[in-house]
Amino acid sequence: MIKLFMLFTLVGLVLTGCNFSSSKDTTSENDENSKTTKAKQVLNMVEASEIPTMDSSLAHDNVSFTVLSNVNEGLYRLGKASEPELAMAKDDQVSEDGLVHTYTIRDANWSNGDPVTAADFVFAWQRVFKETGQYGSMFETANILNASEIVTGEKQADTLGVKALDEKTLEVTLTTPNALLGQLLTFPTFLPQNQKFVESQGEKYALEADNLLYNGPFILSEWKHDASWKYQKNTKYWDADTVKLDEVNVFVVKEAATQLNLYDTNKVDSINLSSASVDQYKDDKDFITLADSEIFFLRFNHNHKALGNKNIRRAIDMSWDKQAHVDRILNNGSLALYGLVPKNFSTSPTGKDFRELNGELNHGDIKEAQAYLAKGLKEIGQDSVDITLTVSAVEGNDKTAEYLKNQLEKNLPQVKIKLKLVPVEQRYELESALEYEMVISAWGPDYIDPMTYIGMWVTKGSANRMDYSNPKYDALVKNISSEEDTTKRYEMMLEAEKMLFEDAAIAPLYQRGLAVLQRSTINGLVRHPSGPDFSFKWTEIDAE
C-alpha cells in the first residue's frame, strides 16, 4: 500500500514586465434580453526556472514533466488520487501469461486536427533511444521487450516490444509481467508524438510553443523563454468538459521577496515561502506545510581522487548537523534524511514504512566522521582535500550550500569547500558530463515504488551520473525487477538501500517540505508524489 500526497503548490518567480491576469477576470455574454457576466477561470502561478525542454523524448526534470503532462496525454495519466487511469487508451487487454498488453486508442485528436494513433506511440517510444534520451531506463523498468538490449547497444530501437497492429490498436510485449505497468505508463517519457509533424519541424521541434502539437487538457499558447508561459484550455481534448480552467499563467522569477509581493498584491495565487518568511506567515489562514517525496542529496564524482574514497564520502555525510539545517535554514517542514527512500512514501506488505524498517543509515557523530576522514586521507596519501561544490542558482540552495560549507570546514578542518553556483540547466549538463566534483542534486520519484530511487544507481544507468559501480548492487536490482513475491521483493529493496550506504555512494541531505500560501478559492489543484508535480485538469476557481 502506498501513502500518497495531495499537495497544492507552486514555486518560482516573476519578471518585471510580465502581464498578470486575475482569477477574477470576467467575460461578457450578450443576448437580446439580458447581459450576463461570466467569471473567467484564470490561475496565476510561479515557477522556479525556465522549461528546460518540451521534447518528451529528452525531458528529465520536474518542470518539463509538469508542463508536458498538462498539454499531452499518454495511454494512462495520473488521476485525482495519483492512481493511474486510462487516458489515450480506452482499454488494456492482457494475455493470460501477462506478457502482452493490447491497447485500443480512443478517438482523440492532436491540436492540428490529426487523429492520435497507435503509430504515434511506436514512433515516440523508439525515438527516446534514437535521441539518446535519459529515460530509456524507464522502458527497462517497465520490462518492455528488448529495452535492456537497446540501452546497452546490443539491439536497435526498432526492436522495442511495441507494435501498431492498426491505426487504433497498440501491442506492447513484456519480458516478464509487471504489476506497475499502468503506473509507469503515466510517466512523460511514454507520451506519444506525431511523426509527420516532428519530422516537418526538424531541429526546430519543441523549441517554441508553435513547434509542438498537443493532445492533452491544455495547449501551450505562449512561451516567453526565461520569463513566462501560458496554458489555454484545449477545446479539442477528448475530455474537455471536465476542464474548468480557461487559462493558466506561469511566471518565472527567482527572488522570494518578489514572489511574496506578487501574492500579497493578488498577482499570483500560490507561492512557496522562503524560510525567512515562514515565521511571519505561519498563523495566516492560507498557510500550510506539506510533506513531499522529493529528496536532496550530495552526488559525488567517484572518479575524483578523494571523493572516490568510501571513507572520505562517509566522513562528509556524517560531519554536519542535518536536523539543525532543516529547522534553522530551511524552516519549511523539510525532514532530515538518513537514507535514500523518504518517509511516508512506501509501505511494506505488512504495512510498515520503508524508512522505519531500514532506519537511519550512516548517522554518526563528528568524532566518527573525523576518524573516517583520517583513514581516507591516509589511503589516498593526502593531508587535506579541496572540493568544489556545484549548486543550482535557485534561491534557498545558496543558503544550504553555505551552511554545508561552514559545517564541513568547521568539523573536518582538512576539507576546504569552494562553491560554484550555476543555472539549473547547466547543473544537469555538468552532472551528465561528469564535469563536477560534488554537487547538490535532487530526485523526485518517477513512480510510486522504492525502485524509483533504488534503480538510479546501477552501473552506467542514465540517472547514475557519478560513475558509481557495484556489480553486486547491479545484480540485486536486476533480481528485484523480476521478483514476483511481494514480500521477498520488499526485503530485497531494503537490502539494496543498505548496500548503497555501505558504499557511502551518496550523502542524503533532506526530504523536501513546502511552506505554502495558497488562496482558499482554488480547488482541485492536484500535486502528485511522482512524475509531474501537479495537474490542472480538475482545478477550478470558486467565486469569492
Protein backbone atom coordinates (compact mmCIF):
# COMPACT_ATOMS: atom_id res chain seq x y z
CA MET A 1 0.00 0.00 0.00
CA ILE A 2 1.35 3.43 -0.90
CA LYS A 3 0.73 6.59 1.02
CA LEU A 4 0.00 9.37 -1.45
CA PHE A 5 0.21 13.11 -1.04
CA MET A 6 -2.20 15.65 -2.43
CA LEU A 7 -0.39 18.94 -2.36
CA PHE A 8 -1.27 22.35 -3.68
CA THR A 9 1.95 24.07 -4.61
CA LEU A 10 3.82 26.47 -6.76
CA VAL A 11 7.42 27.54 -6.82
CA GLY A 12 9.20 30.32 -8.51
CA LEU A 13 9.28 33.77 -9.64
CA VAL A 14 8.09 36.63 -11.78
CA LEU A 15 9.90 39.05 -14.07
CA THR A 16 9.36 42.76 -14.37
CA GLY A 17 7.27 43.49 -17.43
CA CYS A 18 5.10 40.35 -17.30
CA ASN A 19 1.38 40.84 -17.70
CA PHE A 20 -0.63 39.47 -14.80
CA SER A 21 -4.19 38.33 -15.32
CA SER A 22 -6.54 37.98 -12.40
CA SER A 23 -8.54 34.93 -11.46
CA LYS A 24 -11.42 37.40 -11.12
CA ASP A 25 -11.30 38.44 -14.80
CA THR A 26 -14.71 38.40 -16.45
CA THR A 27 -16.10 37.98 -19.93
CA SER A 28 -19.44 39.35 -21.07
CA GLU A 29 -22.10 37.42 -22.96
CA ASN A 30 -24.99 39.29 -24.61
CA ASP A 31 -28.37 38.13 -25.87
CA GLU A 32 -31.44 40.09 -26.94
CA ASN A 33 -32.91 40.48 -23.47
CA SER A 34 -30.03 40.37 -20.99
CA LYS A 35 -26.37 40.82 -20.35
CA THR A 36 -24.63 38.28 -18.15
CA THR A 37 -21.11 38.36 -16.79
CA LYS A 38 -19.22 35.10 -16.54
CA ALA A 39 -16.08 34.79 -14.43
CA LYS A 40 -13.09 33.71 -16.48
CA GLN A 41 -11.27 30.80 -14.87
CA VAL A 42 -7.67 32.02 -14.65
CA LEU A 43 -4.96 30.62 -12.39
CA ASN A 44 -1.71 32.54 -11.92
CA MET A 45 1.31 30.63 -10.75
CA VAL A 46 5.03 30.99 -10.25
CA GLU A 47 7.84 28.58 -11.16
CA ALA A 48 11.49 28.43 -10.18
CA SER A 49 13.03 28.06 -13.61
CA GLU A 50 12.56 28.07 -17.35
CA ILE A 51 11.23 24.94 -19.08
CA PRO A 52 14.43 23.03 -19.98
CA THR A 53 12.78 21.11 -22.84
CA MET A 54 9.37 20.35 -24.29
CA ASP A 55 10.58 17.26 -26.13
CA SER A 56 9.21 14.30 -24.17
CA SER A 57 11.98 12.12 -25.62
CA LEU A 58 14.59 14.24 -23.85
CA ALA A 59 12.83 15.61 -20.75
CA HIS A 60 14.37 14.68 -17.39
CA ASP A 61 13.22 17.37 -14.92
CA ASN A 62 10.06 18.16 -12.98
CA VAL A 63 9.34 21.46 -14.70
CA SER A 64 9.32 19.83 -18.14
CA PHE A 65 7.41 16.80 -16.84
CA THR A 66 4.71 19.03 -15.35
CA VAL A 67 4.18 21.09 -18.50
CA LEU A 68 4.28 18.05 -20.78
CA SER A 69 1.76 16.17 -18.65
CA ASN A 70 -0.73 19.02 -18.75
CA VAL A 71 -0.54 19.60 -22.51
CA ASN A 72 -0.16 15.97 -23.60
CA GLU A 73 -1.56 12.63 -22.60
CA GLY A 74 -0.29 9.05 -22.84
CA LEU A 75 -2.02 5.68 -22.59
CA TYR A 76 -2.53 6.37 -18.88
CA ARG A 77 -2.46 9.53 -16.79
CA LEU A 78 -2.28 10.14 -13.04
CA GLY A 79 -5.77 10.77 -11.67
CA LYS A 80 -7.06 12.89 -8.80
CA ALA A 81 -5.71 10.43 -6.23
CA SER A 82 -2.47 9.92 -8.19
CA GLU A 83 -3.63 6.47 -9.24
CA PRO A 84 -3.16 5.54 -12.92
CA GLU A 85 -6.28 5.90 -15.05
CA LEU A 86 -6.88 5.19 -18.71
CA ALA A 87 -6.33 8.24 -20.92
CA MET A 88 -5.48 7.85 -24.63
CA ALA A 89 -6.16 4.13 -24.17
CA LYS A 90 -9.82 3.09 -23.89
CA ASP A 91 -8.87 -0.30 -22.51
CA ASP A 92 -5.94 -2.57 -21.61
CA GLN A 93 -6.34 -6.21 -22.63
CA VAL A 94 -3.74 -8.54 -21.06
CA SER A 95 -2.75 -12.00 -22.25
CA GLU A 96 -3.04 -14.97 -19.86
CA ASP A 97 0.71 -15.05 -19.25
CA GLY A 98 0.75 -11.29 -18.54
CA LEU A 99 3.31 -10.59 -21.25
CA VAL A 100 1.23 -8.94 -23.96
CA HIS A 101 -0.86 -5.80 -23.40
CA THR A 102 -3.16 -4.67 -26.18
CA TYR A 103 -4.47 -1.10 -26.02
CA THR A 104 -7.30 0.42 -28.03
CA ILE A 105 -6.57 4.09 -28.71
CA ARG A 106 -9.64 6.24 -28.11
CA ASP A 107 -10.97 8.71 -30.68
CA ALA A 108 -8.85 11.77 -29.93
CA ASN A 109 -7.08 14.43 -31.96
CA TRP A 110 -3.89 16.40 -31.91
CA SER A 111 -4.24 20.18 -31.77
CA ASN A 112 -3.76 20.35 -35.57
CA GLY A 113 -6.71 18.03 -36.11
CA ASP A 114 -4.75 14.84 -36.87
CA PRO A 115 -6.05 11.73 -35.08
CA VAL A 116 -3.94 10.24 -32.31
CA THR A 117 -2.88 6.79 -33.50
CA ALA A 118 -1.05 3.72 -32.25
CA ALA A 119 1.81 4.64 -34.57
CA ASP A 120 2.32 7.87 -32.58
CA PHE A 121 3.31 5.77 -29.57
CA VAL A 122 5.60 3.48 -31.54
CA PHE A 123 7.40 6.46 -33.07
CA ALA A 124 7.77 8.35 -29.78
CA TRP A 125 8.96 5.38 -27.73
CA GLN A 126 11.58 4.36 -30.28
CA ARG A 127 12.67 7.98 -30.59
CA VAL A 128 13.64 8.09 -26.91
CA PHE A 129 16.51 5.75 -27.74
CA LYS A 130 17.35 7.36 -31.07
CA GLU A 131 17.61 10.78 -29.42
CA THR A 132 19.65 9.30 -26.52
CA GLY A 133 17.06 10.48 -24.04
CA GLN A 134 17.99 9.95 -20.39
CA TYR A 135 14.90 7.88 -19.65
CA GLY A 136 15.47 4.84 -21.82
CA SER A 137 15.84 3.09 -18.48
CA MET A 138 12.10 3.56 -17.87
CA PHE A 139 11.41 1.06 -20.64
CA GLU A 140 13.68 -1.40 -18.80
CA THR A 141 11.81 -0.73 -15.56
CA ALA A 142 8.56 -1.43 -17.40
CA ASN A 143 10.05 -4.79 -18.59
CA ILE A 144 9.32 -3.93 -22.23
CA LEU A 145 10.83 -6.48 -24.60
CA ASN A 146 14.38 -5.70 -25.83
CA ALA A 147 14.62 -2.44 -23.85
CA SER A 148 17.70 -3.61 -21.93
CA GLU A 149 19.44 -4.74 -25.10
CA ILE A 150 18.69 -1.41 -26.79
CA VAL A 151 20.08 0.51 -23.81
CA THR A 152 23.33 -1.47 -23.98
CA GLY A 153 23.56 -1.11 -27.75
CA GLU A 154 23.06 -4.81 -28.50
CA LYS A 155 19.86 -4.15 -30.45
CA GLN A 156 18.32 -1.28 -32.41
CA ALA A 157 15.44 0.92 -31.25
CA ASP A 158 13.05 -0.55 -33.80
CA THR A 159 13.21 -3.92 -32.00
CA LEU A 160 11.48 -2.46 -28.92
CA GLY A 161 8.45 -4.55 -27.92
CA VAL A 162 5.85 -2.09 -29.19
CA LYS A 163 3.80 -2.50 -32.38
CA ALA A 164 0.90 -0.73 -34.11
CA LEU A 165 -1.43 -3.54 -35.21
CA ASP A 166 -3.63 -0.98 -36.94
CA GLU A 167 -4.41 2.72 -36.59
CA LYS A 168 -6.12 2.31 -33.23
CA THR A 169 -4.55 -0.86 -31.77
CA LEU A 170 -1.22 -0.84 -29.92
CA GLU A 171 0.51 -4.02 -28.76
CA VAL A 172 3.14 -3.90 -26.02
CA THR A 173 5.17 -7.02 -25.23
CA LEU A 174 7.00 -7.53 -21.92
CA THR A 175 9.82 -9.84 -20.88
CA THR A 176 8.12 -10.57 -17.54
CA PRO A 177 4.73 -9.49 -16.13
CA ASN A 178 4.75 -6.08 -14.46
CA ALA A 179 2.10 -5.08 -11.96
CA LEU A 180 3.37 -1.49 -12.07
CA LEU A 181 2.98 -1.10 -15.83
CA GLY A 182 -0.11 1.15 -15.76
CA GLN A 183 1.55 3.46 -13.26
CA LEU A 184 4.79 3.56 -15.24
CA LEU A 185 2.92 4.45 -18.43
CA THR A 186 1.74 7.70 -16.82
CA PHE A 187 5.33 8.93 -16.98
CA PRO A 188 6.00 11.65 -19.62
CA THR A 189 8.65 9.59 -21.42
CA PHE A 190 5.80 7.36 -22.64
CA LEU A 191 3.86 10.22 -24.26
CA PRO A 192 3.06 9.92 -27.99
CA GLN A 193 4.46 12.12 -30.77
CA ASN A 194 3.09 12.81 -34.24
CA GLN A 195 5.84 11.56 -36.58
CA LYS A 196 4.84 13.67 -39.58
CA PHE A 197 4.82 16.85 -37.50
CA VAL A 198 8.06 16.10 -35.65
CA GLU A 199 9.91 15.41 -38.87
CA SER A 200 8.46 18.50 -40.56
CA GLN A 201 9.87 20.69 -37.76
CA GLY A 202 13.36 19.21 -37.95
CA GLU A 203 15.76 20.83 -35.47
CA LYS A 204 13.09 23.39 -34.51
CA TYR A 205 10.87 20.73 -32.96
CA ALA A 206 9.80 21.61 -29.40
CA LEU A 207 11.85 24.83 -29.28
CA GLU A 208 8.79 27.12 -29.24
CA ALA A 209 5.08 26.77 -28.48
CA ASP A 210 4.34 26.77 -32.23
CA ASN A 211 6.78 23.90 -32.83
CA LEU A 212 4.63 21.48 -30.83
CA LEU A 213 1.38 19.57 -31.06
CA TYR A 214 -0.88 18.90 -28.08
CA ASN A 215 -3.38 16.18 -27.21
CA GLY A 216 -3.91 16.90 -23.51
CA PRO A 217 -6.24 19.10 -21.43
CA PHE A 218 -4.34 22.28 -22.32
CA ILE A 219 -2.21 23.74 -25.08
CA LEU A 220 0.87 25.87 -24.57
CA SER A 221 -0.37 29.06 -26.21
CA GLU A 222 2.62 31.22 -25.28
CA TRP A 223 6.20 30.57 -24.20
CA LYS A 224 8.42 33.55 -23.44
CA HIS A 225 11.73 31.95 -22.62
CA ASP A 226 13.10 32.71 -19.15
CA ALA A 227 10.05 34.89 -18.47
CA SER A 228 6.69 33.06 -18.60
CA TRP A 229 4.45 30.58 -20.34
CA LYS A 230 0.70 30.28 -20.74
CA TYR A 231 -1.64 27.30 -20.86
CA GLN A 232 -5.05 27.60 -22.51
CA LYS A 233 -7.84 25.05 -22.42
CA ASN A 234 -7.61 22.61 -25.32
CA THR A 235 -11.10 22.62 -26.83
CA LYS A 236 -10.15 19.60 -28.99
CA TYR A 237 -9.29 17.46 -25.94
CA TRP A 238 -11.42 14.33 -25.73
CA ASP A 239 -12.46 15.10 -22.12
CA ALA A 240 -12.68 18.89 -22.49
CA ASP A 241 -15.94 19.10 -20.49
CA THR A 242 -14.02 18.13 -17.35
CA VAL A 243 -11.57 21.02 -17.71
CA LYS A 244 -12.81 24.18 -15.96
CA LEU A 245 -9.79 26.47 -16.18
CA ASP A 246 -9.66 28.74 -19.22
CA GLU A 247 -6.08 29.81 -18.68
CA VAL A 248 -3.03 29.22 -16.51
CA ASN A 249 -0.22 31.78 -16.45
CA VAL A 250 3.15 30.71 -15.10
CA PHE A 251 5.77 33.37 -14.41
CA VAL A 252 9.49 32.77 -13.96
CA VAL A 253 11.35 34.80 -11.33
CA LYS A 254 13.81 33.70 -8.66
CA GLU A 255 13.54 36.15 -5.79
CA ALA A 256 11.42 35.02 -2.84
CA ALA A 257 10.66 38.63 -1.93
CA THR A 258 9.19 39.17 -5.40
CA GLN A 259 7.05 36.07 -5.05
CA LEU A 260 5.68 37.27 -1.74
CA ASN A 261 4.95 40.75 -3.07
CA LEU A 262 3.08 39.27 -6.03
CA TYR A 263 1.00 37.11 -3.71
CA ASP A 264 0.24 39.96 -1.33
CA THR A 265 -0.88 42.14 -4.24
CA ASN A 266 -3.10 39.36 -5.69
CA LYS A 267 -0.97 38.96 -8.82
CA VAL A 268 -0.38 35.24 -8.21
CA ASP A 269 -2.47 32.68 -6.39
CA SER A 270 0.02 30.47 -4.57
CA ILE A 271 3.67 30.56 -3.58
CA ASN A 272 6.25 28.61 -1.65
CA LEU A 273 7.51 30.73 1.22
CA SER A 274 11.20 31.12 1.84
CA SER A 275 12.47 30.19 5.30
CA ALA A 276 12.80 33.88 6.13
CA SER A 277 9.05 34.46 5.73
CA VAL A 278 7.65 31.35 7.40
CA ASP A 279 7.52 32.76 10.93
CA GLN A 280 5.77 35.91 9.71
CA TYR A 281 3.01 33.99 7.88
CA LYS A 282 2.68 30.76 9.86
CA ASP A 283 -0.53 31.98 11.53
CA ASP A 284 -2.09 33.14 8.25
CA LYS A 285 -5.32 31.31 7.34
CA ASP A 286 -3.87 30.40 3.92
CA PHE A 287 -0.60 28.99 5.32
CA ILE A 288 0.03 25.24 5.07
CA THR A 289 3.05 22.97 5.28
CA LEU A 290 3.22 19.97 3.00
CA ALA A 291 5.42 16.87 3.02
CA ASP A 292 6.90 15.90 -0.33
CA SER A 293 8.67 12.87 -1.75
CA GLU A 294 11.50 14.77 -3.47
CA ILE A 295 14.89 14.19 -1.89
CA PHE A 296 18.04 16.33 -1.96
CA PHE A 297 21.46 14.75 -1.69
CA LEU A 298 25.15 15.15 -2.43
CA ARG A 299 26.18 13.43 -5.62
CA PHE A 300 29.91 12.56 -5.67
CA ASN A 301 32.07 12.18 -8.76
CA HIS A 302 33.54 8.76 -7.99
CA ASN A 303 36.41 9.43 -10.42
CA HIS A 304 37.71 12.22 -8.16
CA LYS A 305 40.78 11.05 -6.20
CA ALA A 306 39.41 11.99 -2.78
CA LEU A 307 35.69 11.52 -3.43
CA GLY A 308 36.35 8.13 -4.97
CA ASN A 309 37.29 7.04 -1.45
CA LYS A 310 34.45 5.49 0.54
CA ASN A 311 35.75 6.67 3.92
CA ILE A 312 36.01 10.30 2.80
CA ARG A 313 32.48 10.18 1.40
CA ARG A 314 31.21 8.69 4.65
CA ALA A 315 33.02 11.38 6.65
CA ILE A 316 31.33 14.12 4.63
CA ASP A 317 27.91 12.52 5.16
CA MET A 318 28.39 12.27 8.93
CA SER A 319 30.08 15.58 9.63
CA TRP A 320 27.23 18.08 9.66
CA ASP A 321 24.01 18.69 11.59
CA LYS A 322 21.13 17.75 9.28
CA GLN A 323 18.42 18.44 11.84
CA ALA A 324 19.66 21.97 12.52
CA HIS A 325 19.69 22.55 8.76
CA VAL A 326 16.00 21.72 8.27
CA ASP A 327 14.99 23.53 11.48
CA ARG A 328 17.01 26.73 11.11
CA ILE A 329 17.96 27.11 7.47
CA LEU A 330 15.00 25.63 5.58
CA ASN A 331 12.29 26.14 8.22
CA ASN A 332 9.58 24.87 5.87
CA GLY A 333 8.64 21.40 7.06
CA SER A 334 11.53 19.60 5.36
CA LEU A 335 12.83 16.49 7.10
CA ALA A 336 16.42 15.46 7.82
CA LEU A 337 17.21 12.43 5.68
CA TYR A 338 19.41 9.47 6.62
CA GLY A 339 18.56 7.16 3.76
CA LEU A 340 17.56 7.09 0.11
CA VAL A 341 13.82 6.38 0.22
CA PRO A 342 11.92 9.18 2.01
CA LYS A 343 9.44 8.84 4.85
CA ASN A 344 5.76 8.16 4.16
CA PHE A 345 6.38 7.20 0.55
CA SER A 346 6.05 3.42 0.57
CA THR A 347 4.81 0.79 2.97
CA SER A 348 5.74 -2.89 3.03
CA PRO A 349 3.27 -5.76 2.52
CA THR A 350 2.99 -5.83 6.32
CA GLY A 351 2.09 -2.13 6.44
CA LYS A 352 5.35 -0.69 7.77
CA ASP A 353 7.01 2.41 6.33
CA PHE A 354 10.16 1.72 4.30
CA ARG A 355 12.15 4.36 6.18
CA GLU A 356 11.05 2.96 9.53
CA LEU A 357 12.11 -0.56 8.52
CA ASN A 358 15.61 0.44 7.37
CA GLY A 359 16.16 3.12 9.99
CA GLU A 360 18.77 5.87 9.82
CA LEU A 361 21.80 4.90 7.75
CA ASN A 362 25.29 6.42 8.19
CA HIS A 363 24.03 8.53 11.09
CA GLY A 364 27.22 9.09 13.08
CA ASP A 365 28.80 11.90 15.08
CA ILE A 366 31.63 14.32 14.38
CA LYS A 367 34.28 12.14 16.04
CA GLU A 368 33.32 9.22 13.83
CA ALA A 369 33.39 11.49 10.77
CA GLN A 370 36.87 12.74 11.67
CA ALA A 371 38.11 9.17 12.10
CA TYR A 372 36.73 8.16 8.70
CA LEU A 373 38.34 11.24 7.11
CA ALA A 374 41.72 10.49 8.65
CA LYS A 375 41.53 6.91 7.39
CA GLY A 376 40.51 8.04 3.92
CA LEU A 377 43.22 10.69 3.62
CA LYS A 378 45.80 8.12 4.63
CA GLU A 379 44.50 5.73 1.98
CA ILE A 380 44.88 8.32 -0.80
CA GLY A 381 48.17 9.72 0.55
CA GLN A 382 46.98 13.28 1.22
CA ASP A 383 46.88 15.53 4.27
CA SER A 384 43.94 17.61 3.06
CA VAL A 385 41.47 17.90 0.22
CA ASP A 386 39.94 20.78 -1.75
CA ILE A 387 36.46 20.16 -3.17
CA THR A 388 34.30 22.29 -5.46
CA LEU A 389 30.62 22.03 -4.59
CA THR A 390 28.34 22.80 -7.55
CA VAL A 391 24.91 24.22 -6.71
CA SER A 392 21.88 25.28 -8.78
CA ALA A 393 21.43 29.05 -8.54
CA VAL A 394 17.92 28.86 -7.11
CA GLU A 395 17.00 30.82 -4.01
CA GLY A 396 17.42 28.67 -0.91
CA ASN A 397 20.06 26.42 -2.42
CA ASP A 398 22.70 29.06 -1.75
CA LYS A 399 21.87 29.02 1.97
CA THR A 400 22.06 25.23 2.10
CA ALA A 401 25.40 25.34 0.28
CA GLU A 402 26.81 27.97 2.64
CA TYR A 403 25.62 26.03 5.68
CA LEU A 404 27.16 22.83 4.33
CA LYS A 405 30.45 24.54 3.53
CA ASN A 406 30.66 26.06 7.02
CA GLN A 407 29.78 22.77 8.74
CA LEU A 408 32.24 20.68 6.74
CA GLU A 409 35.14 23.12 7.13
CA LYS A 410 34.43 23.53 10.85
CA ASN A 411 34.07 19.82 11.66
CA LEU A 412 36.56 18.49 9.11
CA PRO A 413 39.39 21.08 9.11
CA GLN A 414 41.34 19.17 6.43
CA VAL A 415 38.49 19.77 3.95
CA LYS A 416 38.11 23.05 2.06
CA ILE A 417 34.98 23.74 0.03
CA LYS A 418 34.67 26.11 -2.91
CA LEU A 419 31.12 26.94 -4.01
CA LYS A 420 30.13 27.11 -7.68
CA LEU A 421 26.62 28.43 -8.44
CA VAL A 422 25.25 27.64 -11.90
CA PRO A 423 21.83 27.77 -13.63
CA VAL A 424 19.64 24.71 -13.16
CA GLU A 425 20.03 23.63 -16.80
CA GLN A 426 23.82 23.87 -16.56
CA ARG A 427 23.84 21.76 -13.42
CA TYR A 428 22.04 18.99 -15.33
CA GLU A 429 24.59 19.25 -18.14
CA LEU A 430 27.56 19.16 -15.76
CA GLU A 431 26.14 16.12 -13.97
CA SER A 432 25.52 14.25 -17.21
CA ALA A 433 29.04 15.01 -18.45
CA LEU A 434 30.60 14.19 -15.02
CA GLU A 435 32.18 17.64 -15.07
CA TYR A 436 31.86 18.30 -11.35
CA GLU A 437 33.41 17.15 -8.08
CA MET A 438 30.47 17.28 -5.68
CA VAL A 439 27.00 18.61 -6.44
CA ILE A 440 23.76 19.26 -4.58
CA SER A 441 21.28 17.22 -6.58
CA ALA A 442 17.60 16.38 -6.27
CA TRP A 443 15.39 13.49 -7.26
CA GLY A 444 11.62 13.39 -7.46
CA PRO A 445 10.24 9.86 -7.86
CA ASP A 446 9.17 8.75 -11.33
CA TYR A 447 6.65 6.24 -9.98
CA ILE A 448 5.31 5.21 -6.59
CA ASP A 449 7.61 2.38 -5.58
CA PRO A 450 11.03 2.34 -3.80
CA MET A 451 12.67 1.15 -7.01
CA THR A 452 12.29 4.65 -8.43
CA TYR A 453 15.11 5.61 -6.04
CA ILE A 454 16.98 2.29 -5.85
CA GLY A 455 17.17 1.77 -9.60
CA MET A 456 19.07 5.03 -10.10
CA TRP A 457 22.45 3.66 -9.14
CA VAL A 458 23.05 0.72 -11.45
CA THR A 459 26.33 0.88 -13.38
CA LYS A 460 26.09 3.26 -16.35
CA GLY A 461 22.43 3.98 -15.54
CA SER A 462 21.15 7.25 -17.02
CA ALA A 463 20.36 8.61 -13.54
CA ASN A 464 23.66 7.47 -12.01
CA ARG A 465 25.67 10.44 -13.26
CA MET A 466 28.64 9.86 -10.94
CA ASP A 467 30.27 6.64 -12.18
CA TYR A 468 29.32 4.65 -9.09
CA SER A 469 29.52 0.94 -9.80
CA ASN A 470 28.93 -2.15 -7.68
CA PRO A 471 28.30 -5.42 -9.58
CA LYS A 472 26.58 -6.94 -6.54
CA TYR A 473 24.21 -3.97 -6.39
CA ASP A 474 23.52 -4.31 -10.13
CA ALA A 475 22.70 -7.99 -9.75
CA LEU A 476 20.40 -7.34 -6.79
CA VAL A 477 18.50 -4.62 -8.66
CA LYS A 478 18.07 -6.93 -11.65
CA ASN A 479 16.68 -9.66 -9.39
CA ILE A 480 14.28 -7.21 -7.76
CA SER A 481 12.88 -6.32 -11.18
CA SER A 482 11.92 -9.91 -11.88
CA GLU A 483 10.82 -10.95 -8.37
CA GLU A 484 7.06 -11.60 -8.20
CA ASP A 485 6.82 -12.43 -4.48
CA THR A 486 5.92 -9.02 -2.99
CA THR A 487 7.28 -9.77 0.48
CA LYS A 488 10.60 -11.07 -0.83
CA ARG A 489 10.83 -8.19 -3.30
CA TYR A 490 10.40 -5.65 -0.49
CA GLU A 491 13.10 -7.32 1.58
CA MET A 492 15.43 -7.16 -1.42
CA MET A 493 14.77 -3.43 -1.84
CA LEU A 494 15.61 -2.84 1.82
CA GLU A 495 18.83 -4.79 1.30
CA ALA A 496 19.71 -2.75 -1.79
CA GLU A 497 19.40 0.54 0.08
CA LYS A 498 21.66 -0.77 2.86
CA MET A 499 24.21 -1.88 0.26
CA LEU A 500 24.25 1.60 -1.29
CA PHE A 501 25.01 3.15 2.09
CA GLU A 502 27.61 0.56 2.96
CA ASP A 503 29.40 2.03 -0.06
CA ALA A 504 28.57 5.57 1.09
CA ALA A 505 27.74 6.13 -2.57
CA ILE A 506 25.79 9.34 -1.90
CA ALA A 507 25.16 11.64 1.05
CA PRO A 508 21.47 12.40 1.69
CA LEU A 509 20.62 15.95 2.76
CA TYR A 510 16.87 16.28 3.32
CA GLN A 511 13.37 15.31 2.25
CA ARG A 512 11.68 18.39 0.89
CA GLY A 513 8.88 20.11 2.73
CA LEU A 514 6.89 23.05 1.48
CA ALA A 515 5.58 26.09 3.35
CA VAL A 516 2.81 27.37 1.11
CA LEU A 517 0.47 30.32 0.87
CA GLN A 518 -2.49 29.43 -1.35
CA ARG A 519 -5.83 31.09 -1.88
CA SER A 520 -8.82 29.24 -0.50
CA THR A 521 -10.71 29.81 -3.76
CA ILE A 522 -8.51 27.25 -5.57
CA ASN A 523 -9.95 23.75 -5.65
CA GLY A 524 -8.72 20.57 -7.27
CA LEU A 525 -5.10 21.54 -7.94
CA VAL A 526 -3.57 18.08 -7.61
CA ARG A 527 0.04 17.55 -6.57
CA HIS A 528 1.49 14.14 -7.41
CA PRO A 529 4.13 12.27 -5.39
CA SER A 530 5.84 11.09 -8.57
CA GLY A 531 6.41 12.21 -12.16
CA PRO A 532 4.78 15.60 -12.89
CA ASP A 533 4.46 17.88 -9.89
CA PHE A 534 0.79 18.69 -10.41
CA SER A 535 -2.22 18.50 -12.72
CA PHE A 536 -4.62 21.31 -13.70
CA LYS A 537 -7.26 19.08 -15.32
CA TRP A 538 -9.56 19.16 -12.27
CA THR A 539 -8.71 22.65 -10.97
CA GLU A 540 -11.46 25.23 -10.54
CA ILE A 541 -11.57 28.73 -9.06
CA ASP A 542 -14.52 29.37 -6.73
CA ALA A 543 -16.30 32.70 -6.76
CA GLU A 544 -15.45 34.79 -3.72
